[in-house]
Amino acid sequence: MKGALVALALAAAVVLLGVYGPDPPAPPGASKEQILLIDGECCFCNSVAQFIIERDPWGKFKFASQQSKTGEDLMHKHNLVTDLTTVVLIDEDKAYIKSEAILRVLGGLPKPWSYLYMLNAIPKVVADPVYDLVSRLRYSIAGRKSADTCTASSSPSRDRFLD
């Protein structure tokens, strides 16, 4: 019993040091640009983009509205149809949607956010319905406005938006 408590305390110390220790320099490949395609009329989606921008010290993530020319071109390039119920993460030549896209973005942020990537162990048949529920409620959570009236697209970080 005492050994188990010592092991638990040691594991907690390692986790706390990892969470609260300094962030490492940009991870390998952090300079490569990743693009998150969002619903440009959804203020919840734009708030998520702003959340990511504020926690992305490397400027790794760029954003585009699915309704924009850039978004439409990227969707077409990856053989996707415009689907405003999901975000799309373009990482090099691969496209990820729904929970997988969000978890990959979180994994690309500094800790403690990157630890949430461990949630990818949850099967997509469970994670995607949770994503879909939030997606269905997003307009009632934060509203729907024109793309240029949501806070993220008009913020000082406007240069992170490709359209």
N, C-alpha and C. Protein backbone atom coordinates (compact mmCIF):
# COMPACT_ATOMS: atom_id res chain seq x y z
N MET A 1 0.83 -1.20 0.00
CA MET A 1 0.00 0.00 0.00
C MET A 1 0.87 1.25 0.00
N LYS A 2 1.91 1.23 0.85
CA LYS A 2 2.80 2.40 0.93
C LYS A 2 3.52 2.62 -0.40
N GLY A 3 3.93 1.52 -1.04
CA GLY A 3 4.60 1.62 -2.34
C GLY A 3 3.70 2.22 -3.41
N ALA A 4 2.42 1.86 -3.37
CA ALA A 4 1.47 2.39 -4.34
C ALA A 4 1.28 3.89 -4.13
N LEU A 5 1.23 4.33 -2.87
CA LEU A 5 1.08 5.76 -2.58
C LEU A 5 2.30 6.54 -3.04
N VAL A 6 3.48 5.98 -2.84
CA VAL A 6 4.72 6.64 -3.29
C VAL A 6 4.71 6.74 -4.82
N ALA A 7 4.32 5.67 -5.49
CA ALA A 7 4.26 5.68 -6.96
C ALA A 7 3.25 6.70 -7.45
N LEU A 8 2.11 6.79 -6.79
CA LEU A 8 1.09 7.76 -7.17
C LEU A 8 1.59 9.18 -6.96
N ALA A 9 2.25 9.43 -5.83
CA ALA A 9 2.79 10.77 -5.56
C ALA A 9 3.86 11.13 -6.58
N LEU A 10 4.70 10.19 -6.93
CA LEU A 10 5.74 10.42 -7.93
C LEU A 10 5.13 10.72 -9.30
N ALA A 11 4.12 9.97 -9.67
CA ALA A 11 3.44 10.20 -10.95
C ALA A 11 2.78 11.58 -10.97
N ALA A 12 2.15 11.96 -9.85
CA ALA A 12 1.52 13.28 -9.77
C ALA A 12 2.57 14.39 -9.90
N ALA A 13 3.73 14.21 -9.27
CA ALA A 13 4.80 15.20 -9.36
C ALA A 13 5.29 15.34 -10.79
N VAL A 14 5.44 14.23 -11.49
CA VAL A 14 5.89 14.28 -12.88
C VAL A 14 4.87 15.02 -13.74
N VAL A 15 3.59 14.72 -13.54
CA VAL A 15 2.55 15.39 -14.31
C VAL A 15 2.54 16.88 -14.00
N LEU A 16 2.60 17.24 -12.72
CA LEU A 16 2.57 18.66 -12.36
C LEU A 16 3.79 19.40 -12.91
N LEU A 17 4.95 18.79 -12.85
CA LEU A 17 6.13 19.42 -13.40
C LEU A 17 6.00 19.59 -14.91
N GLY A 18 5.42 18.60 -15.55
CA GLY A 18 5.21 18.69 -16.99
C GLY A 18 4.21 19.76 -17.36
N VAL A 19 3.14 19.88 -16.57
CA VAL A 19 2.10 20.86 -16.87
C VAL A 19 2.56 22.27 -16.56
N TYR A 20 3.24 22.45 -15.45
CA TYR A 20 3.58 23.79 -15.02
C TYR A 20 5.02 24.19 -15.31
N GLY A 21 5.80 23.28 -15.87
CA GLY A 21 7.16 23.62 -16.24
C GLY A 21 7.16 24.50 -17.48
N PRO A 22 8.33 25.00 -17.86
CA PRO A 22 8.37 25.86 -19.05
C PRO A 22 8.04 25.08 -20.31
N ASP A 23 7.45 25.75 -21.26
CA ASP A 23 7.16 25.12 -22.54
C ASP A 23 8.45 24.97 -23.32
N PRO A 24 8.58 23.89 -24.03
CA PRO A 24 9.78 23.71 -24.84
C PRO A 24 9.76 24.67 -26.02
N PRO A 25 10.90 24.81 -26.70
CA PRO A 25 10.88 25.58 -27.95
C PRO A 25 9.92 24.90 -28.92
N ALA A 26 9.65 25.56 -29.99
CA ALA A 26 8.73 25.01 -30.98
C ALA A 26 9.10 23.58 -31.33
N PRO A 27 8.13 22.68 -31.33
CA PRO A 27 8.43 21.29 -31.64
C PRO A 27 8.88 21.13 -33.09
N PRO A 28 9.55 20.03 -33.38
CA PRO A 28 9.96 19.80 -34.77
C PRO A 28 8.76 19.87 -35.70
N GLY A 29 8.92 20.58 -36.77
CA GLY A 29 7.83 20.71 -37.73
C GLY A 29 6.83 21.79 -37.36
N ALA A 30 7.07 22.52 -36.26
CA ALA A 30 6.10 23.53 -35.84
C ALA A 30 6.02 24.68 -36.83
N SER A 31 7.05 24.87 -37.62
CA SER A 31 7.01 25.96 -38.57
C SER A 31 6.09 25.64 -39.75
N LYS A 32 5.78 24.35 -39.93
CA LYS A 32 4.90 24.01 -41.03
C LYS A 32 3.50 24.51 -40.70
N GLU A 33 2.92 25.10 -41.69
CA GLU A 33 1.62 25.73 -41.51
C GLU A 33 0.50 24.70 -41.58
N GLN A 34 -0.44 24.82 -40.67
CA GLN A 34 -1.64 24.01 -40.70
C GLN A 34 -2.81 24.96 -40.80
N ILE A 35 -3.80 24.58 -41.55
CA ILE A 35 -4.94 25.46 -41.81
C ILE A 35 -6.21 24.82 -41.26
N LEU A 36 -6.93 25.58 -40.47
CA LEU A 36 -8.19 25.13 -39.92
C LEU A 36 -9.31 25.86 -40.66
N LEU A 37 -10.16 25.10 -41.34
CA LEU A 37 -11.29 25.67 -42.06
C LEU A 37 -12.51 25.64 -41.14
N ILE A 38 -13.11 26.81 -40.95
CA ILE A 38 -14.23 26.94 -40.02
C ILE A 38 -15.43 27.56 -40.72
N ASP A 39 -16.57 27.51 -40.06
CA ASP A 39 -17.78 28.19 -40.51
C ASP A 39 -17.57 29.67 -40.21
N GLY A 40 -17.40 30.47 -41.24
CA GLY A 40 -17.10 31.89 -41.06
C GLY A 40 -18.24 32.70 -40.48
N GLU A 41 -19.45 32.16 -40.47
CA GLU A 41 -20.60 32.88 -39.91
C GLU A 41 -20.89 32.47 -38.47
N CYS A 42 -20.13 31.54 -37.94
CA CYS A 42 -20.36 31.01 -36.60
C CYS A 42 -19.43 31.70 -35.61
N CYS A 43 -20.00 32.47 -34.71
CA CYS A 43 -19.17 33.17 -33.73
C CYS A 43 -18.54 32.21 -32.72
N PHE A 44 -19.16 31.07 -32.47
CA PHE A 44 -18.53 30.05 -31.62
C PHE A 44 -17.25 29.55 -32.29
N CYS A 45 -17.34 29.27 -33.59
CA CYS A 45 -16.17 28.79 -34.34
C CYS A 45 -15.07 29.85 -34.34
N ASN A 46 -15.45 31.11 -34.52
CA ASN A 46 -14.46 32.18 -34.50
C ASN A 46 -13.86 32.35 -33.11
N SER A 47 -14.64 32.10 -32.07
CA SER A 47 -14.10 32.15 -30.70
C SER A 47 -13.10 31.02 -30.47
N VAL A 48 -13.38 29.85 -31.03
CA VAL A 48 -12.43 28.74 -30.94
C VAL A 48 -11.14 29.11 -31.66
N ALA A 49 -11.26 29.75 -32.83
CA ALA A 49 -10.07 30.19 -33.57
C ALA A 49 -9.26 31.17 -32.73
N GLN A 50 -9.93 32.10 -32.08
CA GLN A 50 -9.23 33.07 -31.23
C GLN A 50 -8.56 32.38 -30.05
N PHE A 51 -9.22 31.39 -29.46
CA PHE A 51 -8.65 30.59 -28.38
C PHE A 51 -7.34 29.94 -28.84
N ILE A 52 -7.37 29.37 -30.03
CA ILE A 52 -6.18 28.70 -30.57
C ILE A 52 -5.06 29.72 -30.82
N ILE A 53 -5.41 30.84 -31.42
CA ILE A 53 -4.41 31.88 -31.72
C ILE A 53 -3.71 32.35 -30.44
N GLU A 54 -4.48 32.56 -29.39
CA GLU A 54 -3.91 33.05 -28.13
C GLU A 54 -2.99 32.02 -27.47
N ARG A 55 -3.11 30.77 -27.85
CA ARG A 55 -2.30 29.71 -27.24
C ARG A 55 -1.29 29.10 -28.22
N ASP A 56 -1.13 29.71 -29.36
CA ASP A 56 -0.23 29.21 -30.39
C ASP A 56 0.94 30.20 -30.56
N PRO A 57 1.95 30.10 -29.69
CA PRO A 57 3.03 31.08 -29.74
C PRO A 57 3.89 30.97 -31.00
N TRP A 58 3.78 29.85 -31.71
CA TRP A 58 4.61 29.63 -32.89
C TRP A 58 3.93 30.10 -34.18
N GLY A 59 2.67 30.48 -34.09
CA GLY A 59 1.95 30.90 -35.29
C GLY A 59 1.74 29.77 -36.27
N LYS A 60 1.64 28.57 -35.76
CA LYS A 60 1.53 27.36 -36.57
C LYS A 60 0.19 27.26 -37.29
N PHE A 61 -0.86 27.72 -36.64
CA PHE A 61 -2.20 27.54 -37.19
C PHE A 61 -2.70 28.80 -37.89
N LYS A 62 -3.21 28.59 -39.09
CA LYS A 62 -3.86 29.64 -39.87
C LYS A 62 -5.32 29.22 -40.03
N PHE A 63 -6.15 30.16 -40.42
CA PHE A 63 -7.59 29.91 -40.47
C PHE A 63 -8.18 30.45 -41.77
N ALA A 64 -9.22 29.78 -42.21
CA ALA A 64 -9.99 30.26 -43.36
C ALA A 64 -11.43 29.81 -43.16
N SER A 65 -12.31 30.61 -43.69
CA SER A 65 -13.73 30.27 -43.67
C SER A 65 -14.01 29.26 -44.78
N GLN A 66 -14.82 28.27 -44.48
CA GLN A 66 -15.19 27.30 -45.52
C GLN A 66 -15.94 27.99 -46.66
N GLN A 67 -16.61 29.11 -46.34
CA GLN A 67 -17.40 29.80 -47.35
C GLN A 67 -16.54 30.69 -48.26
N SER A 68 -15.28 30.90 -47.91
CA SER A 68 -14.40 31.77 -48.69
C SER A 68 -13.85 31.05 -49.91
N LYS A 69 -13.28 31.80 -50.81
CA LYS A 69 -12.63 31.21 -52.00
C LYS A 69 -11.50 30.28 -51.56
N THR A 70 -10.68 30.72 -50.60
CA THR A 70 -9.58 29.89 -50.09
C THR A 70 -10.12 28.59 -49.51
N GLY A 71 -11.16 28.71 -48.68
CA GLY A 71 -11.76 27.53 -48.06
C GLY A 71 -12.34 26.58 -49.09
N GLU A 72 -13.06 27.12 -50.05
CA GLU A 72 -13.66 26.29 -51.10
C GLU A 72 -12.57 25.58 -51.90
N ASP A 73 -11.49 26.30 -52.24
CA ASP A 73 -10.39 25.70 -53.00
C ASP A 73 -9.74 24.56 -52.23
N LEU A 74 -9.50 24.78 -50.93
CA LEU A 74 -8.87 23.73 -50.11
C LEU A 74 -9.79 22.53 -49.94
N MET A 75 -11.08 22.78 -49.77
CA MET A 75 -12.04 21.68 -49.66
C MET A 75 -12.05 20.86 -50.96
N HIS A 76 -12.07 21.56 -52.08
CA HIS A 76 -12.08 20.88 -53.38
C HIS A 76 -10.79 20.08 -53.58
N LYS A 77 -9.66 20.68 -53.23
CA LYS A 77 -8.36 20.01 -53.38
C LYS A 77 -8.30 18.69 -52.61
N HIS A 78 -8.99 18.65 -51.46
CA HIS A 78 -8.98 17.45 -50.61
C HIS A 78 -10.23 16.59 -50.78
N ASN A 79 -10.96 16.85 -51.89
CA ASN A 79 -12.15 16.07 -52.23
C ASN A 79 -13.19 16.06 -51.12
N LEU A 80 -13.38 17.22 -50.50
CA LEU A 80 -14.39 17.37 -49.45
C LEU A 80 -15.47 18.32 -49.95
N VAL A 81 -16.69 18.07 -49.54
CA VAL A 81 -17.77 19.01 -49.83
C VAL A 81 -17.88 19.96 -48.64
N THR A 82 -18.30 21.18 -48.92
CA THR A 82 -18.46 22.14 -47.83
C THR A 82 -19.47 21.59 -46.85
N ASP A 83 -19.05 21.50 -45.59
CA ASP A 83 -19.89 20.97 -44.52
C ASP A 83 -19.67 21.86 -43.31
N LEU A 84 -20.57 22.78 -43.10
CA LEU A 84 -20.40 23.76 -42.04
C LEU A 84 -20.59 23.17 -40.65
N THR A 85 -20.95 21.89 -40.57
CA THR A 85 -21.10 21.26 -39.25
C THR A 85 -19.78 20.72 -38.71
N THR A 86 -18.70 20.85 -39.47
CA THR A 86 -17.41 20.36 -39.00
C THR A 86 -16.30 21.33 -39.35
N VAL A 87 -15.28 21.36 -38.50
CA VAL A 87 -14.05 22.03 -38.86
C VAL A 87 -13.23 21.05 -39.69
N VAL A 88 -12.34 21.59 -40.48
CA VAL A 88 -11.45 20.76 -41.29
C VAL A 88 -10.03 21.25 -41.02
N LEU A 89 -9.16 20.34 -40.62
CA LEU A 89 -7.76 20.68 -40.43
C LEU A 89 -6.98 20.16 -41.63
N ILE A 90 -6.32 21.08 -42.32
CA ILE A 90 -5.45 20.71 -43.44
C ILE A 90 -4.03 20.70 -42.90
N ASP A 91 -3.43 19.53 -42.89
CA ASP A 91 -2.06 19.35 -42.39
C ASP A 91 -1.27 18.70 -43.52
N GLU A 92 -0.44 19.52 -44.17
CA GLU A 92 0.28 19.11 -45.37
C GLU A 92 -0.74 18.66 -46.41
N ASP A 93 -0.71 17.41 -46.80
CA ASP A 93 -1.63 16.95 -47.84
C ASP A 93 -2.76 16.09 -47.29
N LYS A 94 -3.00 16.18 -45.99
CA LYS A 94 -4.08 15.40 -45.38
C LYS A 94 -5.12 16.34 -44.78
N ALA A 95 -6.35 15.87 -44.80
CA ALA A 95 -7.44 16.63 -44.20
C ALA A 95 -8.06 15.80 -43.09
N TYR A 96 -8.32 16.44 -41.97
CA TYR A 96 -8.94 15.79 -40.82
C TYR A 96 -10.21 16.56 -40.47
N ILE A 97 -11.23 15.83 -40.02
CA ILE A 97 -12.50 16.48 -39.69
C ILE A 97 -12.93 16.12 -38.28
N LYS A 98 -13.90 16.87 -37.79
CA LYS A 98 -14.59 16.65 -36.52
C LYS A 98 -13.61 16.51 -35.35
N SER A 99 -13.83 15.51 -34.50
CA SER A 99 -13.04 15.38 -33.27
C SER A 99 -11.56 15.18 -33.58
N GLU A 100 -11.25 14.47 -34.64
CA GLU A 100 -9.84 14.23 -34.98
C GLU A 100 -9.14 15.55 -35.31
N ALA A 101 -9.82 16.44 -36.01
CA ALA A 101 -9.23 17.75 -36.33
C ALA A 101 -8.96 18.54 -35.06
N ILE A 102 -9.95 18.60 -34.17
CA ILE A 102 -9.80 19.37 -32.93
C ILE A 102 -8.69 18.79 -32.07
N LEU A 103 -8.64 17.48 -31.92
CA LEU A 103 -7.60 16.86 -31.09
C LEU A 103 -6.21 17.07 -31.68
N ARG A 104 -6.08 17.06 -32.99
CA ARG A 104 -4.79 17.32 -33.61
C ARG A 104 -4.36 18.77 -33.38
N VAL A 105 -5.30 19.68 -33.42
CA VAL A 105 -4.98 21.09 -33.12
C VAL A 105 -4.51 21.21 -31.68
N LEU A 106 -5.26 20.63 -30.76
CA LEU A 106 -4.86 20.70 -29.34
C LEU A 106 -3.49 20.07 -29.13
N GLY A 107 -3.21 18.98 -29.84
CA GLY A 107 -1.91 18.34 -29.73
C GLY A 107 -0.77 19.21 -30.24
N GLY A 108 -1.08 20.16 -31.10
CA GLY A 108 -0.07 21.07 -31.64
C GLY A 108 0.14 22.32 -30.83
N LEU A 109 -0.62 22.48 -29.75
CA LEU A 109 -0.46 23.65 -28.87
C LEU A 109 0.50 23.31 -27.73
N PRO A 110 1.03 24.32 -27.06
CA PRO A 110 1.89 24.05 -25.91
C PRO A 110 1.10 23.39 -24.78
N LYS A 111 1.83 22.79 -23.85
CA LYS A 111 1.15 22.19 -22.70
C LYS A 111 0.52 23.29 -21.84
N PRO A 112 -0.50 23.04 -21.13
CA PRO A 112 -1.15 21.76 -20.87
C PRO A 112 -2.11 21.32 -21.98
N TRP A 113 -2.38 22.17 -22.96
CA TRP A 113 -3.37 21.85 -23.99
C TRP A 113 -2.98 20.63 -24.79
N SER A 114 -1.69 20.47 -25.05
CA SER A 114 -1.26 19.33 -25.87
C SER A 114 -1.56 17.99 -25.21
N TYR A 115 -1.71 17.98 -23.89
CA TYR A 115 -2.04 16.73 -23.20
C TYR A 115 -3.43 16.22 -23.58
N LEU A 116 -4.30 17.13 -24.03
CA LEU A 116 -5.64 16.71 -24.42
C LEU A 116 -5.63 15.82 -25.67
N TYR A 117 -4.51 15.81 -26.38
CA TYR A 117 -4.42 14.92 -27.54
C TYR A 117 -4.57 13.46 -27.13
N MET A 118 -4.30 13.16 -25.87
CA MET A 118 -4.47 11.78 -25.39
C MET A 118 -5.92 11.31 -25.52
N LEU A 119 -6.84 12.26 -25.64
CA LEU A 119 -8.25 11.89 -25.81
C LEU A 119 -8.50 11.20 -27.15
N ASN A 120 -7.49 11.20 -28.03
CA ASN A 120 -7.67 10.49 -29.30
C ASN A 120 -7.79 8.99 -29.09
N ALA A 121 -7.53 8.53 -27.87
CA ALA A 121 -7.73 7.12 -27.54
C ALA A 121 -9.23 6.77 -27.49
N ILE A 122 -10.06 7.78 -27.36
CA ILE A 122 -11.51 7.56 -27.38
C ILE A 122 -11.91 7.23 -28.83
N PRO A 123 -12.61 6.16 -29.03
CA PRO A 123 -13.00 5.79 -30.41
C PRO A 123 -13.82 6.90 -31.07
N LYS A 124 -13.61 7.07 -32.38
CA LYS A 124 -14.34 8.10 -33.13
C LYS A 124 -15.84 7.89 -33.07
N VAL A 125 -16.29 6.65 -32.92
CA VAL A 125 -17.73 6.39 -32.84
C VAL A 125 -18.33 7.00 -31.57
N VAL A 126 -17.49 7.31 -30.59
CA VAL A 126 -17.93 8.00 -29.36
C VAL A 126 -17.63 9.48 -29.47
N ALA A 127 -16.41 9.83 -29.90
CA ALA A 127 -15.97 11.23 -29.92
C ALA A 127 -16.73 12.06 -30.95
N ASP A 128 -16.96 11.53 -32.13
CA ASP A 128 -17.63 12.31 -33.17
C ASP A 128 -19.08 12.67 -32.82
N PRO A 129 -19.88 11.78 -32.21
CA PRO A 129 -21.22 12.21 -31.80
C PRO A 129 -21.19 13.35 -30.76
N VAL A 130 -20.20 13.35 -29.88
CA VAL A 130 -20.06 14.47 -28.93
C VAL A 130 -19.74 15.73 -29.71
N TYR A 131 -18.83 15.63 -30.67
CA TYR A 131 -18.50 16.77 -31.53
C TYR A 131 -19.77 17.25 -32.25
N ASP A 132 -20.54 16.32 -32.81
CA ASP A 132 -21.76 16.67 -33.54
C ASP A 132 -22.77 17.39 -32.65
N LEU A 133 -22.86 17.00 -31.39
CA LEU A 133 -23.78 17.66 -30.46
C LEU A 133 -23.37 19.13 -30.27
N VAL A 134 -22.10 19.36 -30.02
CA VAL A 134 -21.61 20.73 -29.87
C VAL A 134 -21.84 21.51 -31.16
N SER A 135 -21.60 20.86 -32.29
CA SER A 135 -21.80 21.50 -33.58
C SER A 135 -23.25 21.94 -33.78
N ARG A 136 -24.18 21.07 -33.38
CA ARG A 136 -25.61 21.41 -33.52
C ARG A 136 -26.01 22.58 -32.62
N LEU A 137 -25.33 22.72 -31.48
CA LEU A 137 -25.69 23.76 -30.51
C LEU A 137 -24.89 25.06 -30.68
N ARG A 138 -23.93 25.09 -31.59
CA ARG A 138 -22.99 26.21 -31.65
C ARG A 138 -23.64 27.56 -31.91
N TYR A 139 -24.66 27.63 -32.75
CA TYR A 139 -25.32 28.91 -33.02
C TYR A 139 -26.09 29.39 -31.80
N SER A 140 -26.67 28.47 -31.05
CA SER A 140 -27.40 28.89 -29.85
C SER A 140 -26.44 29.26 -28.73
N ILE A 141 -25.21 28.74 -28.76
CA ILE A 141 -24.22 29.08 -27.74
C ILE A 141 -23.68 30.49 -27.97
N ALA A 142 -23.29 30.80 -29.20
CA ALA A 142 -22.60 32.08 -29.44
C ALA A 142 -23.21 32.92 -30.54
N GLY A 143 -24.17 32.41 -31.24
CA GLY A 143 -24.82 33.21 -32.27
C GLY A 143 -24.24 33.01 -33.65
N ARG A 144 -24.94 33.62 -34.58
CA ARG A 144 -24.55 33.54 -35.99
C ARG A 144 -24.59 34.94 -36.56
N LYS A 145 -23.47 35.36 -37.10
CA LYS A 145 -23.38 36.70 -37.68
C LYS A 145 -22.62 36.61 -38.98
N SER A 146 -22.53 37.74 -39.66
CA SER A 146 -21.72 37.72 -40.87
C SER A 146 -20.26 37.55 -40.49
N ALA A 147 -19.48 36.99 -41.38
CA ALA A 147 -18.09 36.63 -41.09
C ALA A 147 -17.27 37.81 -40.59
N ASP A 148 -17.55 39.02 -41.06
CA ASP A 148 -16.73 40.14 -40.65
C ASP A 148 -17.19 40.78 -39.34
N THR A 149 -18.26 40.28 -38.72
CA THR A 149 -18.68 40.85 -37.45
C THR A 149 -18.29 40.00 -36.24
N CYS A 150 -17.85 38.78 -36.47
CA CYS A 150 -17.38 37.96 -35.36
C CYS A 150 -16.01 38.45 -34.92
N THR A 151 -15.72 38.30 -33.65
CA THR A 151 -14.53 38.91 -33.07
C THR A 151 -13.22 38.45 -33.67
N ALA A 152 -13.05 37.17 -33.94
CA ALA A 152 -11.74 36.68 -34.38
C ALA A 152 -11.34 37.25 -35.73
N SER A 153 -12.28 37.32 -36.67
CA SER A 153 -11.91 37.78 -38.01
C SER A 153 -11.64 39.28 -38.06
N SER A 154 -12.00 40.01 -37.02
CA SER A 154 -11.74 41.44 -36.99
C SER A 154 -10.74 41.80 -35.89
N SER A 155 -10.09 40.82 -35.31
CA SER A 155 -9.16 41.04 -34.21
C SER A 155 -7.79 41.48 -34.72
N PRO A 156 -6.90 41.89 -33.80
CA PRO A 156 -5.54 42.24 -34.21
C PRO A 156 -4.79 41.06 -34.85
N SER A 157 -5.24 39.85 -34.60
CA SER A 157 -4.58 38.67 -35.18
C SER A 157 -5.15 38.33 -36.56
N ARG A 158 -5.71 39.32 -37.21
CA ARG A 158 -6.34 39.13 -38.52
C ARG A 158 -5.39 38.48 -39.52
N ASP A 159 -4.09 38.68 -39.36
CA ASP A 159 -3.12 38.11 -40.30
C ASP A 159 -3.07 36.58 -40.25
N ARG A 160 -3.67 35.98 -39.24
CA ARG A 160 -3.72 34.52 -39.15
C ARG A 160 -4.87 33.95 -39.98
N PHE A 161 -5.72 34.83 -40.49
CA PHE A 161 -6.85 34.42 -41.33
C PHE A 161 -6.49 34.61 -42.79
N LEU A 162 -6.66 33.56 -43.58
CA LEU A 162 -6.22 33.58 -44.96
C LEU A 162 -7.20 34.24 -45.90
N ASP A 163 -8.39 34.54 -45.43
CA ASP A 163 -9.38 35.15 -46.31
C ASP A 163 -9.96 36.39 -45.70
